Amino acid sequence: MIKAVLVIAVILQIVVAVQSDGLVRALAELSAFLLVSVLVLSANTQKRKKLIPNADEF
């Protein structure tokens, strides 16, 4: 659910960046980059949690 919201936000920011100029475009590009970074970091965190076994599994 959160990933879908972040992906939609990135797409909206890219659309705004394509249609705008100046400061608005720069801010849209920056926010899209930051949102993509959050998506990548959340994916890495979830992947790492799956790789670490729990003590209950032994």
PDB file of N, CA and C in Angstrom:
ATOM      1  N   MET A   1       0.825  -1.196   0.000  1.00  0.00           N
ATOM      2  CA  MET A   1       0.000   0.000   0.000  1.00  0.00           C
ATOM      3  C   MET A   1       0.868   1.257   0.000  1.00  0.00           C
ATOM      4  N   ILE A   2       1.848   1.305   0.890  1.00  0.00           N
ATOM      5  CA  ILE A   2       2.714   2.475   0.971  1.00  0.00           C
ATOM      6  C   ILE A   2       3.562   2.594  -0.286  1.00  0.00           C
ATOM      7  N   LYS A   3       4.018   1.445  -0.801  1.00  0.00           N
ATOM      8  CA  LYS A   3       4.812   1.481  -2.028  1.00  0.00           C
ATOM      9  C   LYS A   3       4.004   2.046  -3.183  1.00  0.00           C
ATOM     10  N   ALA A   4       2.742   1.678  -3.272  1.00  0.00           N
ATOM     11  CA  ALA A   4       1.900   2.173  -4.349  1.00  0.00           C
ATOM     12  C   ALA A   4       1.724   3.688  -4.247  1.00  0.00           C
ATOM     13  N   VAL A   5       1.536   4.181  -3.044  1.00  0.00           N
ATOM     14  CA  VAL A   5       1.387   5.621  -2.845  1.00  0.00           C
ATOM     15  C   VAL A   5       2.679   6.347  -3.233  1.00  0.00           C
ATOM     16  N   LEU A   6       3.817   5.782  -2.865  1.00  0.00           N
ATOM     17  CA  LEU A   6       5.091   6.403  -3.213  1.00  0.00           C
ATOM     18  C   LEU A   6       5.321   6.395  -4.722  1.00  0.00           C
ATOM     19  N   VAL A   7       4.969   5.311  -5.381  1.00  0.00           N
ATOM     20  CA  VAL A   7       5.134   5.234  -6.835  1.00  0.00           C
ATOM     21  C   VAL A   7       4.244   6.262  -7.528  1.00  0.00           C
ATOM     22  N   ILE A   8       3.010   6.393  -7.066  1.00  0.00           N
ATOM     23  CA  ILE A   8       2.106   7.394  -7.643  1.00  0.00           C
ATOM     24  C   ILE A   8       2.644   8.805  -7.411  1.00  0.00           C
ATOM     25  N   ALA A   9       3.187   9.051  -6.231  1.00  0.00           N
ATOM     26  CA  ALA A   9       3.756  10.369  -5.938  1.00  0.00           C
ATOM     27  C   ALA A   9       4.952  10.661  -6.835  1.00  0.00           C
ATOM     28  N   VAL A  10       5.785   9.666  -7.085  1.00  0.00           N
ATOM     29  CA  VAL A  10       6.931   9.854  -7.981  1.00  0.00           C
ATOM     30  C   VAL A  10       6.459  10.189  -9.390  1.00  0.00           C
ATOM     31  N   ILE A  11       5.461   9.460  -9.871  1.00  0.00           N
ATOM     32  CA  ILE A  11       4.944   9.722 -11.219  1.00  0.00           C
ATOM     33  C   ILE A  11       4.367  11.134 -11.310  1.00  0.00           C
ATOM     34  N   LEU A  12       3.631  11.549 -10.292  1.00  0.00           N
ATOM     35  CA  LEU A  12       3.072  12.904 -10.294  1.00  0.00           C
ATOM     36  C   LEU A  12       4.169  13.963 -10.288  1.00  0.00           C
ATOM     37  N   GLN A  13       5.220  13.732  -9.521  1.00  0.00           N
ATOM     38  CA  GLN A  13       6.322  14.693  -9.469  1.00  0.00           C
ATOM     39  C   GLN A  13       7.047  14.771 -10.809  1.00  0.00           C
ATOM     40  N   ILE A  14       7.190  13.641 -11.484  1.00  0.00           N
ATOM     41  CA  ILE A  14       7.834  13.644 -12.801  1.00  0.00           C
ATOM     42  C   ILE A  14       6.968  14.409 -13.802  1.00  0.00           C
ATOM     43  N   VAL A  15       5.664  14.221 -13.746  1.00  0.00           N
ATOM     44  CA  VAL A  15       4.763  14.959 -14.638  1.00  0.00           C
ATOM     45  C   VAL A  15       4.869  16.456 -14.379  1.00  0.00           C
ATOM     46  N   VAL A  16       4.901  16.852 -13.122  1.00  0.00           N
ATOM     47  CA  VAL A  16       5.031  18.274 -12.779  1.00  0.00           C
ATOM     48  C   VAL A  16       6.371  18.807 -13.283  1.00  0.00           C
ATOM     49  N   ALA A  17       7.437  18.022 -13.134  1.00  0.00           N
ATOM     50  CA  ALA A  17       8.758  18.468 -13.579  1.00  0.00           C
ATOM     51  C   ALA A  17       8.812  18.642 -15.092  1.00  0.00           C
ATOM     52  N   VAL A  18       8.135  17.777 -15.820  1.00  0.00           N
ATOM     53  CA  VAL A  18       8.151  17.872 -17.287  1.00  0.00           C
ATOM     54  C   VAL A  18       7.380  19.112 -17.750  1.00  0.00           C
ATOM     55  N   GLN A  19       6.342  19.470 -17.046  1.00  0.00           N
ATOM     56  CA  GLN A  19       5.482  20.567 -17.476  1.00  0.00           C
ATOM     57  C   GLN A  19       5.861  21.920 -16.889  1.00  0.00           C
ATOM     58  N   SER A  20       6.857  21.972 -16.017  1.00  0.00           N
ATOM     59  CA  SER A  20       7.189  23.218 -15.329  1.00  0.00           C
ATOM     60  C   SER A  20       8.598  23.678 -15.684  1.00  0.00           C
ATOM     61  N   ASP A  21       8.904  24.891 -15.228  1.00  0.00           N
ATOM     62  CA  ASP A  21      10.235  25.469 -15.405  1.00  0.00           C
ATOM     63  C   ASP A  21      10.694  26.090 -14.096  1.00  0.00           C
ATOM     64  N   GLY A  22      11.974  26.306 -13.999  1.00  0.00           N
ATOM     65  CA  GLY A  22      12.542  27.039 -12.881  1.00  0.00           C
ATOM     66  C   GLY A  22      12.510  26.286 -11.564  1.00  0.00           C
ATOM     67  N   LEU A  23      12.156  27.027 -10.525  1.00  0.00           N
ATOM     68  CA  LEU A  23      12.187  26.495  -9.167  1.00  0.00           C
ATOM     69  C   LEU A  23      11.194  25.356  -8.979  1.00  0.00           C
ATOM     70  N   VAL A  24      10.033  25.461  -9.566  1.00  0.00           N
ATOM     71  CA  VAL A  24       9.016  24.407  -9.432  1.00  0.00           C
ATOM     72  C   VAL A  24       9.545  23.099 -10.009  1.00  0.00           C
ATOM     73  N   ARG A  25      10.190  23.179 -11.170  1.00  0.00           N
ATOM     74  CA  ARG A  25      10.755  21.983 -11.792  1.00  0.00           C
ATOM     75  C   ARG A  25      11.850  21.382 -10.921  1.00  0.00           C
ATOM     76  N   ALA A  26      12.724  22.210 -10.385  1.00  0.00           N
ATOM     77  CA  ALA A  26      13.813  21.723  -9.549  1.00  0.00           C
ATOM     78  C   ALA A  26      13.275  21.049  -8.287  1.00  0.00           C
ATOM     79  N   LEU A  27      12.264  21.632  -7.679  1.00  0.00           N
ATOM     80  CA  LEU A  27      11.684  21.040  -6.477  1.00  0.00           C
ATOM     81  C   LEU A  27      10.965  19.733  -6.788  1.00  0.00           C
ATOM     82  N   ALA A  28      10.308  19.668  -7.930  1.00  0.00           N
ATOM     83  CA  ALA A  28       9.632  18.428  -8.322  1.00  0.00           C
ATOM     84  C   ALA A  28      10.651  17.324  -8.579  1.00  0.00           C
ATOM     85  N   GLU A  29      11.756  17.665  -9.246  1.00  0.00           N
ATOM     86  CA  GLU A  29      12.810  16.670  -9.486  1.00  0.00           C
ATOM     87  C   GLU A  29      13.431  16.200  -8.171  1.00  0.00           C
ATOM     88  N   LEU A  30      13.677  17.132  -7.268  1.00  0.00           N
ATOM     89  CA  LEU A  30      14.260  16.776  -5.981  1.00  0.00           C
ATOM     90  C   LEU A  30      13.330  15.875  -5.180  1.00  0.00           C
ATOM     91  N   SER A  31      12.056  16.209  -5.142  1.00  0.00           N
ATOM     92  CA  SER A  31      11.122  15.385  -4.373  1.00  0.00           C
ATOM     93  C   SER A  31      10.949  14.002  -5.011  1.00  0.00           C
ATOM     94  N   ALA A  32      10.962  13.923  -6.347  1.00  0.00           N
ATOM     95  CA  ALA A  32      10.879  12.620  -7.004  1.00  0.00           C
ATOM     96  C   ALA A  32      12.106  11.782  -6.674  1.00  0.00           C
ATOM     97  N   PHE A  33      13.272  12.384  -6.679  1.00  0.00           N
ATOM     98  CA  PHE A  33      14.503  11.669  -6.326  1.00  0.00           C
ATOM     99  C   PHE A  33      14.450  11.166  -4.888  1.00  0.00           C
ATOM    100  N   LEU A  34      14.001  12.005  -3.982  1.00  0.00           N
ATOM    101  CA  LEU A  34      13.920  11.600  -2.581  1.00  0.00           C
ATOM    102  C   LEU A  34      12.911  10.472  -2.382  1.00  0.00           C
ATOM    103  N   LEU A  35      11.793  10.521  -3.085  1.00  0.00           N
ATOM    104  CA  LEU A  35      10.794   9.459  -2.982  1.00  0.00           C
ATOM    105  C   LEU A  35      11.328   8.135  -3.526  1.00  0.00           C
ATOM    106  N   VAL A  36      12.063   8.190  -4.630  1.00  0.00           N
ATOM    107  CA  VAL A  36      12.674   6.972  -5.167  1.00  0.00           C
ATOM    108  C   VAL A  36      13.690   6.423  -4.177  1.00  0.00           C
ATOM    109  N   SER A  37      14.449   7.298  -3.535  1.00  0.00           N
ATOM    110  CA  SER A  37      15.421   6.854  -2.525  1.00  0.00           C
ATOM    111  C   SER A  37      14.723   6.141  -1.368  1.00  0.00           C
ATOM    112  N   VAL A  38      13.593   6.665  -0.938  1.00  0.00           N
ATOM    113  CA  VAL A  38      12.825   6.028   0.135  1.00  0.00           C
ATOM    114  C   VAL A  38      12.330   4.659  -0.304  1.00  0.00           C
ATOM    115  N   LEU A  39      11.884   4.546  -1.546  1.00  0.00           N
ATOM    116  CA  LEU A  39      11.432   3.248  -2.064  1.00  0.00           C
ATOM    117  C   LEU A  39      12.565   2.230  -2.054  1.00  0.00           C
ATOM    118  N   VAL A  40      13.747   2.642  -2.498  1.00  0.00           N
ATOM    119  CA  VAL A  40      14.896   1.727  -2.545  1.00  0.00           C
ATOM    120  C   VAL A  40      15.311   1.320  -1.138  1.00  0.00           C
ATOM    121  N   LEU A  41      15.369   2.276  -0.233  1.00  0.00           N
ATOM    122  CA  LEU A  41      15.768   1.955   1.137  1.00  0.00           C
ATOM    123  C   LEU A  41      14.759   1.049   1.831  1.00  0.00           C
ATOM    124  N   SER A  42      13.483   1.260   1.579  1.00  0.00           N
ATOM    125  CA  SER A  42      12.476   0.396   2.201  1.00  0.00           C
ATOM    126  C   SER A  42      12.541  -1.014   1.622  1.00  0.00           C
ATOM    127  N   ALA A  43      12.838  -1.132   0.346  1.00  0.00           N
ATOM    128  CA  ALA A  43      12.973  -2.460  -0.264  1.00  0.00           C
ATOM    129  C   ALA A  43      14.182  -3.191   0.307  1.00  0.00           C
ATOM    130  N   ASN A  44      15.284  -2.476   0.506  1.00  0.00           N
ATOM    131  CA  ASN A  44      16.481  -3.096   1.084  1.00  0.00           C
ATOM    132  C   ASN A  44      16.243  -3.528   2.525  1.00  0.00           C
ATOM    133  N   THR A  45      15.518  -2.735   3.286  1.00  0.00           N
ATOM    134  CA  THR A  45      15.229  -3.075   4.677  1.00  0.00           C
ATOM    135  C   THR A  45      14.355  -4.318   4.761  1.00  0.00           C
ATOM    136  N   GLN A  46      13.357  -4.411   3.901  1.00  0.00           N
ATOM    137  CA  GLN A  46      12.486  -5.589   3.908  1.00  0.00           C
ATOM    138  C   GLN A  46      13.250  -6.827   3.484  1.00  0.00           C
ATOM    139  N   LYS A  47      14.139  -6.686   2.513  1.00  0.00           N
ATOM    140  CA  LYS A  47      14.922  -7.820   2.040  1.00  0.00           C
ATOM    141  C   LYS A  47      15.858  -8.299   3.149  1.00  0.00           C
ATOM    142  N   ARG A  48      16.447  -7.367   3.891  1.00  0.00           N
ATOM    143  CA  ARG A  48      17.368  -7.701   4.970  1.00  0.00           C
ATOM    144  C   ARG A  48      16.627  -8.416   6.104  1.00  0.00           C
ATOM    145  N   LYS A  49      15.391  -7.990   6.396  1.00  0.00           N
ATOM    146  CA  LYS A  49      14.605  -8.629   7.447  1.00  0.00           C
ATOM    147  C   LYS A  49      14.292 -10.077   7.098  1.00  0.00           C
ATOM    148  N   LYS A  50      14.086 -10.365   5.821  1.00  0.00           N
ATOM    149  CA  LYS A  50      13.789 -11.729   5.403  1.00  0.00           C
ATOM    150  C   LYS A  50      15.026 -12.619   5.503  1.00  0.00           C
ATOM    151  N   LEU A  51      16.214 -12.040   5.333  1.00  0.00           N
ATOM    152  CA  LEU A  51      17.435 -12.827   5.346  1.00  0.00           C
ATOM    153  C   LEU A  51      17.905 -13.183   6.754  1.00  0.00           C
ATOM    154  N   ILE A  52      17.551 -12.377   7.744  1.00  0.00           N
ATOM    155  CA  ILE A  52      17.981 -12.624   9.118  1.00  0.00           C
ATOM    156  C   ILE A  52      17.014 -13.603   9.780  1.00  0.00           C
ATOM    157  N   PRO A  53      17.488 -14.788  10.164  1.00  0.00           N
ATOM    158  CA  PRO A  53      16.574 -15.773  10.798  1.00  0.00           C
ATOM    159  C   PRO A  53      16.258 -15.367  12.238  1.00  0.00           C
ATOM    160  N   ASN A  54      15.072 -15.704  12.646  1.00  0.00           N
ATOM    161  CA  ASN A  54      14.657 -15.469  14.024  1.00  0.00           C
ATOM    162  C   ASN A  54      15.164 -16.603  14.911  1.00  0.00           C
ATOM    163  N   ALA A  55      15.272 -16.345  16.190  1.00  0.00           N
ATOM    164  CA  ALA A  55      15.706 -17.377  17.124  1.00  0.00           C
ATOM    165  C   ALA A  55      14.661 -18.501  17.215  1.00  0.00           C
ATOM    166  N   ASP A  56      13.408 -18.187  16.933  1.00  0.00           N
ATOM    167  CA  ASP A  56      12.344 -19.188  16.999  1.00  0.00           C
ATOM    168  C   ASP A  56      12.463 -20.223  15.897  1.00  0.00           C
ATOM    169  N   GLU A  57      13.161 -19.897  14.803  1.00  0.00           N
ATOM    170  CA  GLU A  57      13.245 -20.789  13.673  1.00  0.00           C
ATOM    171  C   GLU A  57      14.229 -21.948  13.892  1.00  0.00           C
ATOM    172  N   PHE A  58      15.080 -21.839  14.896  1.00  0.00           N
ATOM    173  CA  PHE A  58      16.081 -22.882  15.125  1.00  0.00           C
ATOM    174  C   PHE A  58      15.550 -23.997  15.979  1.00  0.00           C
TER     175      PHE A  58
END
